[in-house]
C-alpha cells in the first residue's frame, strides 16, 4: 500500500512537471530551464527557496551552488541526508542575472507551487529567505520572525535566512545554524515553541 501511495504521488508530480514544461504563458520560459524540485516526497520536510541560480539552471536541480552546499551541510548537521527532504523554489526558473523574482513572476508560478505542496503534503515547510517567507506571510519580517513557527491554512511554516545570505555574514551564518537546530522539534510539532508576540496576519496557503 505504501509503495502504491508513493507511485501515485510521484505520478502526480511528474504530470505537474510536464504541465509546467508545456505552459507557454509562464515567465522566464525563453531564458531559463525549468527547475522543478527534488527529494523525498514522503520525508515530511519541504525546503522552499526563492528561485534557481546559474548552477541550478545549468543542472536543472535546486540548490546545487555554494548556497546549496551550505544547505547540504546544515541538513547533515541534523543527522539527515539531502535525499531525505524535498527542495524546491517559489519561482521555478532563473531570473536574468540572478535578480530577485518579480511579483508577477511569483504570481505566475503560484498555482504550480500550490499544487506541488498539495501533492507532497509536507508536515513542515522551511522557507529559505524573505521572498519564500513572504509568499506565505506577506507582512512578516525575516529579521524579526526567523526561527519562529507560523501557520498558513493549517500548515506549519518555519522561516530561516537564505543560505546565500549566510555565506556573506558570519553572524547570519551562526543564526542560521541555531535556527536549523529547531527544525526537528518543528517537525515533531512541539507545542513548546510559540508564535512571536503580535505576529502579523498570514496569507492563506491555498
Protein backbone atom coordinates (compact mmCIF):
# COMPACT_ATOMS: atom_id res chain seq x y z
CA UNK A 1 0.00 0.00 0.00
CA UNK A 2 2.85 2.43 0.86
CA UNK A 3 4.57 1.73 -2.44
CA UNK A 4 1.30 2.36 -4.29
CA UNK A 5 0.87 5.67 -2.42
CA UNK A 6 4.39 6.71 -3.42
CA UNK A 7 3.69 5.76 -7.05
CA UNK A 8 0.54 7.90 -7.07
CA UNK A 9 2.34 10.89 -5.57
CA UNK A 10 5.26 10.62 -7.96
CA UNK A 11 2.96 10.23 -10.95
CA UNK A 12 1.09 13.36 -9.89
CA UNK A 13 4.36 15.31 -9.57
CA UNK A 14 5.59 14.04 -12.94
CA UNK A 15 2.32 15.16 -14.53
CA UNK A 16 2.61 18.57 -12.87
CA UNK A 17 6.16 18.99 -14.11
CA UNK A 18 5.10 18.07 -17.62
CA UNK A 19 2.27 20.58 -17.44
CA UNK A 20 4.72 23.30 -16.40
CA UNK A 21 7.07 22.45 -19.26
CA UNK A 22 4.19 22.82 -21.70
CA UNK A 23 2.86 26.07 -20.23
CA UNK A 24 3.98 28.79 -22.65
CA UNK A 25 2.44 31.52 -20.50
CA UNK A 26 4.98 31.13 -17.70
CA UNK A 27 7.57 33.93 -17.45
CA UNK A 28 11.30 33.21 -17.89
CA UNK A 29 10.48 30.27 -20.15
CA UNK A 30 12.55 31.63 -23.04
CA UNK A 31 15.64 32.39 -20.98
CA UNK A 32 15.96 29.60 -18.40
CA UNK A 33 15.38 25.90 -17.76
CA UNK A 34 12.67 24.56 -15.51
CA UNK A 35 13.98 23.58 -12.06
CA UNK A 36 11.03 21.69 -10.63
CA UNK A 37 12.37 20.31 -7.34
CA UNK A 38 13.77 17.07 -5.96
CA UNK A 39 13.98 14.90 -2.89
CA UNK A 40 11.96 12.60 -0.69
CA UNK A 41 8.24 13.17 -1.26
CA UNK A 42 7.49 11.31 1.95
CA UNK A 43 10.23 12.83 4.11
CA UNK A 44 7.96 15.28 5.89
CA UNK A 45 10.12 18.40 5.37
CA UNK A 46 9.95 20.68 2.35
CA UNK A 47 12.54 23.44 1.87
CA UNK A 48 11.34 26.31 -0.31
CA UNK A 49 13.73 28.94 -1.67
CA UNK A 50 13.08 31.90 -3.97
CA UNK A 51 14.40 30.97 -7.45
CA UNK A 52 17.17 28.98 -9.15
CA UNK A 53 20.59 30.48 -9.80
CA UNK A 54 23.14 29.89 -12.54
CA UNK A 55 24.26 26.44 -11.36
CA UNK A 56 20.70 25.36 -10.71
CA UNK A 57 19.65 26.47 -14.20
CA UNK A 58 22.55 24.58 -15.78
CA UNK A 59 21.95 21.33 -13.89
CA UNK A 60 18.15 21.72 -13.57
CA UNK A 61 18.42 20.95 -9.86
CA UNK A 62 17.63 23.22 -6.88
CA UNK A 63 20.37 24.45 -4.52
CA UNK A 64 23.49 22.95 -6.10
CA UNK A 65 25.79 26.00 -5.95
CA UNK A 66 27.61 27.40 -2.90
CA UNK A 67 24.34 28.12 -1.10
CA UNK A 68 23.25 24.58 -1.86
CA UNK A 69 26.48 23.18 -0.43
CA UNK A 70 25.82 25.08 2.79
CA UNK A 71 22.24 23.82 2.83
CA UNK A 72 23.53 20.26 2.46
CA UNK A 73 25.88 20.84 5.41
CA UNK A 74 23.10 22.24 7.58
CA UNK A 75 20.89 19.29 6.74
CA UNK A 76 23.75 16.88 7.52
CA UNK A 77 24.27 18.60 10.89
CA UNK A 78 20.76 17.42 11.78
CA UNK A 79 21.78 13.84 11.07
CA UNK A 80 19.79 13.82 7.82
CA UNK A 81 20.75 13.46 4.17
CA UNK A 82 19.70 15.80 1.37
CA UNK A 83 17.83 12.89 -0.22
CA UNK A 84 15.59 12.66 2.87
CA UNK A 85 13.99 16.09 2.38
CA UNK A 86 12.30 17.81 -0.56
CA UNK A 87 13.80 21.01 -2.02
CA UNK A 88 12.20 23.50 -4.42
CA UNK A 89 11.62 27.22 -5.07
CA UNK A 90 8.64 29.53 -5.38
CA UNK A 91 9.76 30.53 -8.90
CA UNK A 92 10.93 27.57 -10.95
CA UNK A 93 13.18 29.32 -13.48
CA UNK A 94 16.22 31.54 -13.04
CA UNK A 95 15.63 35.30 -13.28
CA UNK A 96 18.22 37.02 -15.53
CA UNK A 97 21.48 37.88 -13.79
CA UNK A 98 20.16 36.23 -10.60
CA UNK A 99 17.98 39.26 -9.87
CA UNK A 100 15.15 39.00 -7.34
CA UNK A 101 11.97 37.40 -8.69
CA UNK A 102 9.36 39.95 -9.73
CA UNK A 103 5.90 39.95 -8.11
CA UNK A 104 4.27 38.95 -11.39
CA UNK A 105 6.68 36.02 -11.73
CA UNK A 106 5.81 34.80 -8.24
CA UNK A 107 2.10 35.09 -9.05
CA UNK A 108 2.52 33.20 -12.32
CA UNK A 109 4.22 30.22 -10.67
CA UNK A 110 1.97 30.27 -7.60
CA UNK A 111 -0.66 27.79 -8.85
CA UNK A 112 2.03 25.24 -9.58
CA UNK A 113 3.72 25.60 -6.21
CA UNK A 114 0.33 25.32 -4.54
CA UNK A 115 -0.34 22.03 -6.31
CA UNK A 116 3.20 20.80 -5.65
CA UNK A 117 2.73 21.40 -1.92
CA UNK A 118 -0.70 19.81 -2.04
CA UNK A 119 0.67 16.65 -3.67
CA UNK A 120 3.67 16.28 -1.35
CA UNK A 121 1.67 17.35 1.72
CA UNK A 122 4.72 18.03 3.95
CA UNK A 123 4.48 18.12 7.71
CA UNK A 124 6.76 21.18 7.80
CA UNK A 125 7.68 23.81 5.22
CA UNK A 126 11.02 25.54 5.87
CA UNK A 127 11.22 28.80 3.96
CA UNK A 128 14.69 29.93 2.89
CA UNK A 129 14.92 33.71 2.82
CA UNK A 130 12.46 36.57 2.85
CA UNK A 131 10.88 36.01 -0.57
CA UNK A 132 9.85 32.48 0.32
CA UNK A 133 8.71 33.53 3.80
CA UNK A 134 6.66 36.44 2.43
CA UNK A 135 5.00 34.10 -0.06
CA UNK A 136 3.25 32.53 2.92
CA UNK A 137 3.25 35.55 5.27
CA UNK A 138 3.43 38.85 3.34
CA UNK A 139 3.66 41.03 6.46
CA UNK A 140 6.41 39.02 8.15
CA UNK A 141 9.95 40.38 8.51
CA UNK A 142 12.85 37.97 8.23
CA UNK A 143 14.98 39.82 10.80
CA UNK A 144 12.17 39.56 13.36
CA UNK A 145 10.40 36.33 12.54
CA UNK A 146 13.14 33.89 11.53
CA UNK A 147 13.32 30.88 13.79
CA UNK A 148 9.67 31.16 14.86
CA UNK A 149 6.89 28.88 13.61
CA UNK A 150 3.98 30.40 11.76
CA UNK A 151 0.91 28.85 10.23
CA UNK A 152 -0.93 29.18 6.93
CA UNK A 153 -4.11 27.23 6.27
CA UNK A 154 -3.22 24.70 8.93
CA UNK A 155 0.31 24.10 7.66
CA UNK A 156 3.34 24.70 9.83
CA UNK A 157 5.85 27.11 8.28
CA UNK A 158 9.33 27.72 9.68
CA UNK A 159 11.23 30.71 8.22
CA UNK A 160 15.02 30.90 8.24
CA UNK A 161 17.61 33.06 6.48
CA UNK A 162 18.63 32.11 2.96
CA UNK A 163 21.93 30.18 2.87
CA UNK A 164 23.28 32.62 0.26
CA UNK A 165 22.84 35.49 2.71
CA UNK A 166 24.56 33.46 5.45
CA UNK A 167 27.57 32.98 3.18
CA UNK A 168 28.08 36.75 3.25
CA UNK A 169 27.83 37.19 7.02
CA UNK A 170 29.42 35.15 9.80
CA UNK A 171 26.84 36.42 12.28
CA UNK A 172 23.96 35.46 10.00
CA UNK A 173 25.51 32.03 9.49
CA UNK A 174 25.57 31.50 13.26
CA UNK A 175 21.91 32.50 13.47
CA UNK A 176 21.01 30.18 10.60
CA UNK A 177 22.75 27.26 12.28
CA UNK A 178 20.84 27.90 15.51
CA UNK A 179 17.53 28.13 13.66
CA UNK A 180 18.24 24.87 11.84
CA UNK A 181 18.69 23.10 15.17
CA UNK A 182 15.00 23.82 15.86
CA UNK A 183 13.76 22.06 12.72
CA UNK A 184 13.43 18.54 14.21
CA UNK A 185 11.34 20.00 17.03
CA UNK A 186 9.20 21.85 14.49
CA UNK A 187 8.77 18.65 12.50
CA UNK A 188 7.61 16.87 15.64
CA UNK A 189 5.02 19.61 16.16
CA UNK A 190 6.40 20.63 19.52
CA UNK A 191 3.97 22.92 21.39
CA UNK A 192 6.86 24.41 23.37
CA UNK A 193 7.80 26.89 20.64
CA UNK A 194 5.25 29.68 20.46
CA UNK A 195 4.49 32.32 17.89
CA UNK A 196 6.25 35.64 18.49
CA UNK A 197 4.10 38.38 20.06
CA UNK A 198 1.75 40.27 17.74
CA UNK A 199 2.65 38.12 14.75
CA UNK A 200 1.18 39.62 11.57
CA UNK A 201 -1.78 38.14 9.79
CA UNK A 202 -0.70 35.38 7.41
CA UNK A 203 -1.66 34.74 3.82
CA UNK A 204 -3.87 31.72 3.16
CA UNK A 205 -1.78 28.99 1.56
CA UNK A 206 -4.45 27.64 -0.74
